[in-house]
């Protein structure tokens, strides 16, 4: 069986809609970035989150590249 891909936020949204329809009011990431709690929800559902969609990784990569540019070229 081939791996299927899902937009992880679509899955999280679907779960939250279902909970809201049941009268519950879930909060995701109330203590910070919602990425890790959302990823944990997906893992609990048997879905492997794809880290490519994690904005934090992109921001970390950009910061590291800026640091390297500064080290090599003296740019800020």
PDB file of N, CA and C in Angstrom:
ATOM      1  N   UNK A   1       0.843  -1.180   0.000  1.00  0.00           N
ATOM      2  CA  UNK A   1       0.000   0.000   0.000  1.00  0.00           C
ATOM      3  C   UNK A   1       0.887   1.242   0.000  1.00  0.00           C
ATOM      4  N   UNK A   2       0.607   2.183  -0.882  1.00  0.00           N
ATOM      5  CA  UNK A   2       1.370   3.420  -0.943  1.00  0.00           C
ATOM      6  C   UNK A   2       1.000   4.339   0.208  1.00  0.00           C
ATOM      7  N   UNK A   3       1.995   5.124   0.620  1.00  0.00           N
ATOM      8  CA  UNK A   3       1.710   6.148   1.628  1.00  0.00           C
ATOM      9  C   UNK A   3       0.845   7.224   1.001  1.00  0.00           C
ATOM     10  N   UNK A   4      -0.183   7.620   1.712  1.00  0.00           N
ATOM     11  CA  UNK A   4      -0.999   8.742   1.262  1.00  0.00           C
ATOM     12  C   UNK A   4      -0.499   9.983   1.975  1.00  0.00           C
ATOM     13  N   UNK A   5      -0.639  11.112   1.327  1.00  0.00           N
ATOM     14  CA  UNK A   5      -0.236  12.345   1.986  1.00  0.00           C
ATOM     15  C   UNK A   5      -1.482  13.166   2.302  1.00  0.00           C
ATOM     16  N   UNK A   6      -1.407  13.848   3.419  1.00  0.00           N
ATOM     17  CA  UNK A   6      -2.505  14.681   3.880  1.00  0.00           C
ATOM     18  C   UNK A   6      -1.928  16.023   4.276  1.00  0.00           C
ATOM     19  N   UNK A   7      -2.697  17.057   4.108  1.00  0.00           N
ATOM     20  CA  UNK A   7      -2.325  18.327   4.688  1.00  0.00           C
ATOM     21  C   UNK A   7      -2.616  18.182   6.179  1.00  0.00           C
ATOM     22  N   UNK A   8      -1.582  18.217   7.031  1.00  0.00           N
ATOM     23  CA  UNK A   8      -1.811  17.960   8.455  1.00  0.00           C
ATOM     24  C   UNK A   8      -2.775  18.943   9.098  1.00  0.00           C
ATOM     25  N   UNK A   9      -2.780  20.194   8.631  1.00  0.00           N
ATOM     26  CA  UNK A   9      -3.694  21.157   9.232  1.00  0.00           C
ATOM     27  C   UNK A   9      -5.137  20.854   8.863  1.00  0.00           C
ATOM     28  N   UNK A  10      -5.364  20.235   7.721  1.00  0.00           N
ATOM     29  CA  UNK A  10      -6.724  19.835   7.349  1.00  0.00           C
ATOM     30  C   UNK A  10      -7.236  18.766   8.303  1.00  0.00           C
ATOM     31  N   UNK A  11      -6.370  17.835   8.662  1.00  0.00           N
ATOM     32  CA  UNK A  11      -6.750  16.769   9.589  1.00  0.00           C
ATOM     33  C   UNK A  11      -7.027  17.357  10.969  1.00  0.00           C
ATOM     34  N   UNK A  12      -6.131  18.241  11.434  1.00  0.00           N
ATOM     35  CA  UNK A  12      -6.324  18.876  12.744  1.00  0.00           C
ATOM     36  C   UNK A  12      -7.624  19.675  12.744  1.00  0.00           C
ATOM     37  N   UNK A  13      -7.869  20.421  11.676  1.00  0.00           N
ATOM     38  CA  UNK A  13      -9.095  21.214  11.565  1.00  0.00           C
ATOM     39  C   UNK A  13     -10.334  20.315  11.620  1.00  0.00           C
ATOM     40  N   UNK A  14     -10.295  19.197  10.931  1.00  0.00           N
ATOM     41  CA  UNK A  14     -11.420  18.259  10.930  1.00  0.00           C
ATOM     42  C   UNK A  14     -11.699  17.744  12.336  1.00  0.00           C
ATOM     43  N   UNK A  15     -10.656  17.381  13.059  1.00  0.00           N
ATOM     44  CA  UNK A  15     -10.826  16.897  14.435  1.00  0.00           C
ATOM     45  C   UNK A  15     -11.420  17.998  15.305  1.00  0.00           C
ATOM     46  N   UNK A  16     -10.909  19.218  15.161  1.00  0.00           N
ATOM     47  CA  UNK A  16     -11.410  20.323  15.982  1.00  0.00           C
ATOM     48  C   UNK A  16     -12.851  20.665  15.637  1.00  0.00           C
ATOM     49  N   UNK A  17     -13.210  20.598  14.367  1.00  0.00           N
ATOM     50  CA  UNK A  17     -14.606  20.831  13.987  1.00  0.00           C
ATOM     51  C   UNK A  17     -15.521  19.805  14.637  1.00  0.00           C
ATOM     52  N   UNK A  18     -15.098  18.549  14.608  1.00  0.00           N
ATOM     53  CA  UNK A  18     -15.885  17.472  15.216  1.00  0.00           C
ATOM     54  C   UNK A  18     -16.047  17.715  16.720  1.00  0.00           C
ATOM     55  N   UNK A  19     -14.968  18.097  17.399  1.00  0.00           N
ATOM     56  CA  UNK A  19     -15.046  18.366  18.836  1.00  0.00           C
ATOM     57  C   UNK A  19     -15.953  19.568  19.124  1.00  0.00           C
ATOM     58  N   UNK A  20     -15.848  20.610  18.307  1.00  0.00           N
ATOM     59  CA  UNK A  20     -16.697  21.797  18.494  1.00  0.00           C
ATOM     60  C   UNK A  20     -18.164  21.452  18.269  1.00  0.00           C
ATOM     61  N   UNK A  21     -18.443  20.613  17.261  1.00  0.00           N
ATOM     62  CA  UNK A  21     -19.822  20.187  17.008  1.00  0.00           C
ATOM     63  C   UNK A  21     -20.384  19.403  18.187  1.00  0.00           C
ATOM     64  N   UNK A  22     -19.489  18.736  18.935  1.00  0.00           N
ATOM     65  CA  UNK A  22     -19.914  17.963  20.103  1.00  0.00           C
ATOM     66  C   UNK A  22     -20.025  18.849  21.346  1.00  0.00           C
ATOM     67  N   UNK A  23     -19.826  20.173  21.171  1.00  0.00           N
ATOM     68  CA  UNK A  23     -19.965  21.093  22.293  1.00  0.00           C
ATOM     69  C   UNK A  23     -18.685  21.324  23.073  1.00  0.00           C
ATOM     70  N   UNK A  24     -17.586  20.781  22.596  1.00  0.00           N
ATOM     71  CA  UNK A  24     -16.302  20.978  23.273  1.00  0.00           C
ATOM     72  C   UNK A  24     -15.583  22.163  22.640  1.00  0.00           C
ATOM     73  N   UNK A  25     -14.669  22.739  23.366  1.00  0.00           N
ATOM     74  CA  UNK A  25     -13.941  23.903  22.870  1.00  0.00           C
ATOM     75  C   UNK A  25     -12.442  23.661  23.038  1.00  0.00           C
ATOM     76  N   UNK A  26     -11.859  22.857  22.148  1.00  0.00           N
ATOM     77  CA  UNK A  26     -10.439  22.526  22.274  1.00  0.00           C
ATOM     78  C   UNK A  26      -9.553  23.732  21.973  1.00  0.00           C
ATOM     79  N   UNK A  27      -8.404  23.751  22.605  1.00  0.00           N
ATOM     80  CA  UNK A  27      -7.405  24.794  22.379  1.00  0.00           C
ATOM     81  C   UNK A  27      -6.107  24.081  22.043  1.00  0.00           C
ATOM     82  N   UNK A  28      -5.474  24.516  20.996  1.00  0.00           N
ATOM     83  CA  UNK A  28      -4.229  23.890  20.562  1.00  0.00           C
ATOM     84  C   UNK A  28      -3.127  24.930  20.615  1.00  0.00           C
ATOM     85  N   UNK A  29      -2.090  24.623  21.354  1.00  0.00           N
ATOM     86  CA  UNK A  29      -0.965  25.538  21.419  1.00  0.00           C
ATOM     87  C   UNK A  29      -1.195  26.734  22.311  1.00  0.00           C
ATOM     88  N   UNK A  30      -2.040  26.584  23.309  1.00  0.00           N
ATOM     89  CA  UNK A  30      -2.318  27.708  24.207  1.00  0.00           C
ATOM     90  C   UNK A  30      -1.073  28.154  24.956  1.00  0.00           C
ATOM     91  N   UNK A  31      -0.106  27.273  25.062  1.00  0.00           N
ATOM     92  CA  UNK A  31       1.115  27.609  25.796  1.00  0.00           C
ATOM     93  C   UNK A  31       2.279  27.908  24.869  1.00  0.00           C
ATOM     94  N   UNK A  32       2.017  28.067  23.578  1.00  0.00           N
ATOM     95  CA  UNK A  32       3.101  28.360  22.640  1.00  0.00           C
ATOM     96  C   UNK A  32       2.716  27.971  21.224  1.00  0.00           C
ATOM     97  N   UNK A  33       3.697  27.654  20.428  1.00  0.00           N
ATOM     98  CA  UNK A  33       3.497  27.297  19.023  1.00  0.00           C
ATOM     99  C   UNK A  33       2.642  26.030  18.934  1.00  0.00           C
ATOM    100  N   UNK A  34       1.609  26.015  18.096  1.00  0.00           N
ATOM    101  CA  UNK A  34       0.714  24.862  18.023  1.00  0.00           C
ATOM    102  C   UNK A  34       1.283  23.686  17.239  1.00  0.00           C
ATOM    103  N   UNK A  35       2.440  23.844  16.623  1.00  0.00           N
ATOM    104  CA  UNK A  35       2.987  22.798  15.760  1.00  0.00           C
ATOM    105  C   UNK A  35       3.197  21.460  16.445  1.00  0.00           C
ATOM    106  N   UNK A  36       3.828  21.467  17.599  1.00  0.00           N
ATOM    107  CA  UNK A  36       4.113  20.198  18.276  1.00  0.00           C
ATOM    108  C   UNK A  36       2.848  19.532  18.808  1.00  0.00           C
ATOM    109  N   UNK A  37       1.914  20.277  19.461  1.00  0.00           N
ATOM    110  CA  UNK A  37       0.664  19.618  19.864  1.00  0.00           C
ATOM    111  C   UNK A  37      -0.108  19.064  18.666  1.00  0.00           C
ATOM    112  N   UNK A  38      -0.098  19.788  17.540  1.00  0.00           N
ATOM    113  CA  UNK A  38      -0.782  19.296  16.335  1.00  0.00           C
ATOM    114  C   UNK A  38      -0.108  18.038  15.818  1.00  0.00           C
ATOM    115  N   UNK A  39       1.217  18.025  15.820  1.00  0.00           N
ATOM    116  CA  UNK A  39       1.947  16.839  15.371  1.00  0.00           C
ATOM    117  C   UNK A  39       1.642  15.645  16.269  1.00  0.00           C
ATOM    118  N   UNK A  40       1.544  15.878  17.573  1.00  0.00           N
ATOM    119  CA  UNK A  40       1.224  14.791  18.503  1.00  0.00           C
ATOM    120  C   UNK A  40      -0.187  14.258  18.255  1.00  0.00           C
ATOM    121  N   UNK A  41      -1.136  15.148  17.983  1.00  0.00           N
ATOM    122  CA  UNK A  41      -2.494  14.726  17.638  1.00  0.00           C
ATOM    123  C   UNK A  41      -2.465  13.830  16.405  1.00  0.00           C
ATOM    124  N   UNK A  42      -1.722  14.239  15.394  1.00  0.00           N
ATOM    125  CA  UNK A  42      -1.630  13.427  14.174  1.00  0.00           C
ATOM    126  C   UNK A  42      -1.009  12.069  14.461  1.00  0.00           C
ATOM    127  N   UNK A  43       0.058  12.040  15.268  1.00  0.00           N
ATOM    128  CA  UNK A  43       0.688  10.753  15.608  1.00  0.00           C
ATOM    129  C   UNK A  43      -0.298   9.845  16.337  1.00  0.00           C
ATOM    130  N   UNK A  44      -1.122  10.431  17.224  1.00  0.00           N
ATOM    131  CA  UNK A  44      -2.133   9.636  17.938  1.00  0.00           C
ATOM    132  C   UNK A  44      -3.158   9.032  16.980  1.00  0.00           C
ATOM    133  N   UNK A  45      -3.373   9.711  15.861  1.00  0.00           N
ATOM    134  CA  UNK A  45      -4.308   9.210  14.845  1.00  0.00           C
ATOM    135  C   UNK A  45      -3.626   8.268  13.846  1.00  0.00           C
ATOM    136  N   UNK A  46      -2.343   8.007  14.068  1.00  0.00           N
ATOM    137  CA  UNK A  46      -1.615   7.111  13.175  1.00  0.00           C
ATOM    138  C   UNK A  46      -1.111   7.789  11.909  1.00  0.00           C
ATOM    139  N   UNK A  47      -1.035   9.112  11.929  1.00  0.00           N
ATOM    140  CA  UNK A  47      -0.565   9.874  10.766  1.00  0.00           C
ATOM    141  C   UNK A  47       0.814  10.427  11.093  1.00  0.00           C
ATOM    142  N   UNK A  48       1.755  10.163  10.208  1.00  0.00           N
ATOM    143  CA  UNK A  48       3.112  10.654  10.415  1.00  0.00           C
ATOM    144  C   UNK A  48       3.205  12.074   9.873  1.00  0.00           C
ATOM    145  N   UNK A  49       3.420  13.064  10.756  1.00  0.00           N
ATOM    146  CA  UNK A  49       3.518  14.451  10.289  1.00  0.00           C
ATOM    147  C   UNK A  49       4.745  14.634   9.397  1.00  0.00           C
ATOM    148  N   UNK A  50       4.619  15.497   8.423  1.00  0.00           N
ATOM    149  CA  UNK A  50       5.719  15.803   7.517  1.00  0.00           C
ATOM    150  C   UNK A  50       6.389  17.084   8.002  1.00  0.00           C
ATOM    151  N   UNK A  51       7.653  16.996   8.409  1.00  0.00           N
ATOM    152  CA  UNK A  51       8.305  18.186   8.946  1.00  0.00           C
ATOM    153  C   UNK A  51       8.528  19.293   7.924  1.00  0.00           C
ATOM    154  N   UNK A  52       8.357  19.018   6.634  1.00  0.00           N
ATOM    155  CA  UNK A  52       8.551  20.055   5.624  1.00  0.00           C
ATOM    156  C   UNK A  52       7.572  21.211   5.807  1.00  0.00           C
ATOM    157  N   UNK A  53       6.416  20.940   6.351  1.00  0.00           N
ATOM    158  CA  UNK A  53       5.415  21.982   6.519  1.00  0.00           C
ATOM    159  C   UNK A  53       5.570  22.772   7.802  1.00  0.00           C
ATOM    160  N   UNK A  54       6.586  22.447   8.606  1.00  0.00           N
ATOM    161  CA  UNK A  54       6.770  23.101   9.894  1.00  0.00           C
ATOM    162  C   UNK A  54       7.500  24.427   9.696  1.00  0.00           C
ATOM    163  N   UNK A  55       6.801  25.524   9.905  1.00  0.00           N
ATOM    164  CA  UNK A  55       7.370  26.859   9.711  1.00  0.00           C
ATOM    165  C   UNK A  55       8.576  27.091  10.609  1.00  0.00           C
ATOM    166  N   UNK A  56       8.576  26.467  11.788  1.00  0.00           N
ATOM    167  CA  UNK A  56       9.710  26.647  12.701  1.00  0.00           C
ATOM    168  C   UNK A  56      10.997  26.147  12.083  1.00  0.00           C
ATOM    169  N   UNK A  57      10.933  25.028  11.335  1.00  0.00           N
ATOM    170  CA  UNK A  57      12.135  24.506  10.681  1.00  0.00           C
ATOM    171  C   UNK A  57      12.643  25.479   9.623  1.00  0.00           C
ATOM    172  N   UNK A  58      11.731  26.073   8.870  1.00  0.00           N
ATOM    173  CA  UNK A  58      12.127  27.052   7.850  1.00  0.00           C
ATOM    174  C   UNK A  58      12.782  28.266   8.515  1.00  0.00           C
ATOM    175  N   UNK A  59      12.227  28.719   9.632  1.00  0.00           N
ATOM    176  CA  UNK A  59      12.790  29.867  10.335  1.00  0.00           C
ATOM    177  C   UNK A  59      14.174  29.543  10.895  1.00  0.00           C
ATOM    178  N   UNK A  60      14.346  28.325  11.427  1.00  0.00           N
ATOM    179  CA  UNK A  60      15.648  27.909  11.940  1.00  0.00           C
ATOM    180  C   UNK A  60      16.674  27.836  10.809  1.00  0.00           C
ATOM    181  N   UNK A  61      16.260  27.334   9.661  1.00  0.00           N
ATOM    182  CA  UNK A  61      17.149  27.248   8.506  1.00  0.00           C
ATOM    183  C   UNK A  61      17.560  28.640   8.047  1.00  0.00           C
ATOM    184  N   UNK A  62      16.591  29.551   7.958  1.00  0.00           N
ATOM    185  CA  UNK A  62      16.895  30.924   7.558  1.00  0.00           C
ATOM    186  C   UNK A  62      17.874  31.581   8.529  1.00  0.00           C
ATOM    187  N   UNK A  63      17.675  31.359   9.823  1.00  0.00           N
ATOM    188  CA  UNK A  63      18.558  31.950  10.830  1.00  0.00           C
ATOM    189  C   UNK A  63      19.969  31.380  10.707  1.00  0.00           C
ATOM    190  N   UNK A  64      20.078  30.089  10.481  1.00  0.00           N
ATOM    191  CA  UNK A  64      21.382  29.452  10.335  1.00  0.00           C
ATOM    192  C   UNK A  64      22.093  29.965   9.080  1.00  0.00           C
ATOM    193  N   UNK A  65      21.349  30.103   7.982  1.00  0.00           N
ATOM    194  CA  UNK A  65      21.946  30.623   6.756  1.00  0.00           C
ATOM    195  C   UNK A  65      22.421  32.063   6.941  1.00  0.00           C
ATOM    196  N   UNK A  66      21.654  32.878   7.649  1.00  0.00           N
ATOM    197  CA  UNK A  66      22.057  34.259   7.921  1.00  0.00           C
ATOM    198  C   UNK A  66      23.332  34.277   8.763  1.00  0.00           C
ATOM    199  N   UNK A  67      23.412  33.374   9.725  1.00  0.00           N
ATOM    200  CA  UNK A  67      24.600  33.264  10.574  1.00  0.00           C
ATOM    201  C   UNK A  67      25.830  32.872   9.741  1.00  0.00           C
ATOM    202  N   UNK A  68      25.656  31.923   8.835  1.00  0.00           N
ATOM    203  CA  UNK A  68      26.763  31.497   7.966  1.00  0.00           C
ATOM    204  C   UNK A  68      27.192  32.606   7.017  1.00  0.00           C
ATOM    205  N   UNK A  69      26.208  33.331   6.445  1.00  0.00           N
ATOM    206  CA  UNK A  69      26.545  34.453   5.551  1.00  0.00           C
ATOM    207  C   UNK A  69      27.352  35.505   6.304  1.00  0.00           C
ATOM    208  N   UNK A  70      26.937  35.784   7.528  1.00  0.00           N
ATOM    209  CA  UNK A  70      27.632  36.760   8.335  1.00  0.00           C
ATOM    210  C   UNK A  70      29.062  36.297   8.638  1.00  0.00           C
ATOM    211  N   UNK A  71      29.218  35.006   8.943  1.00  0.00           N
ATOM    212  CA  UNK A  71      30.536  34.467   9.252  1.00  0.00           C
ATOM    213  C   UNK A  71      31.475  34.510   8.040  1.00  0.00           C
ATOM    214  N   UNK A  72      30.937  34.228   6.856  1.00  0.00           N
ATOM    215  CA  UNK A  72      31.769  34.176   5.665  1.00  0.00           C
ATOM    216  C   UNK A  72      31.936  35.528   4.979  1.00  0.00           C
ATOM    217  N   UNK A  73      30.899  36.324   4.962  1.00  0.00           N
ATOM    218  CA  UNK A  73      30.910  37.546   4.167  1.00  0.00           C
ATOM    219  C   UNK A  73      30.790  38.815   5.009  1.00  0.00           C
ATOM    220  N   UNK A  74      30.564  38.667   6.305  1.00  0.00           N
ATOM    221  CA  UNK A  74      30.429  39.843   7.168  1.00  0.00           C
ATOM    222  C   UNK A  74      29.155  40.614   6.932  1.00  0.00           C
ATOM    223  N   UNK A  75      28.136  39.956   6.390  1.00  0.00           N
ATOM    224  CA  UNK A  75      26.848  40.609   6.140  1.00  0.00           C
ATOM    225  C   UNK A  75      25.945  40.415   7.341  1.00  0.00           C
ATOM    226  N   UNK A  76      25.036  41.340   7.523  1.00  0.00           N
ATOM    227  CA  UNK A  76      24.058  41.183   8.606  1.00  0.00           C
ATOM    228  C   UNK A  76      22.705  40.907   8.032  1.00  0.00           C
TER     229      UNK A  76
END
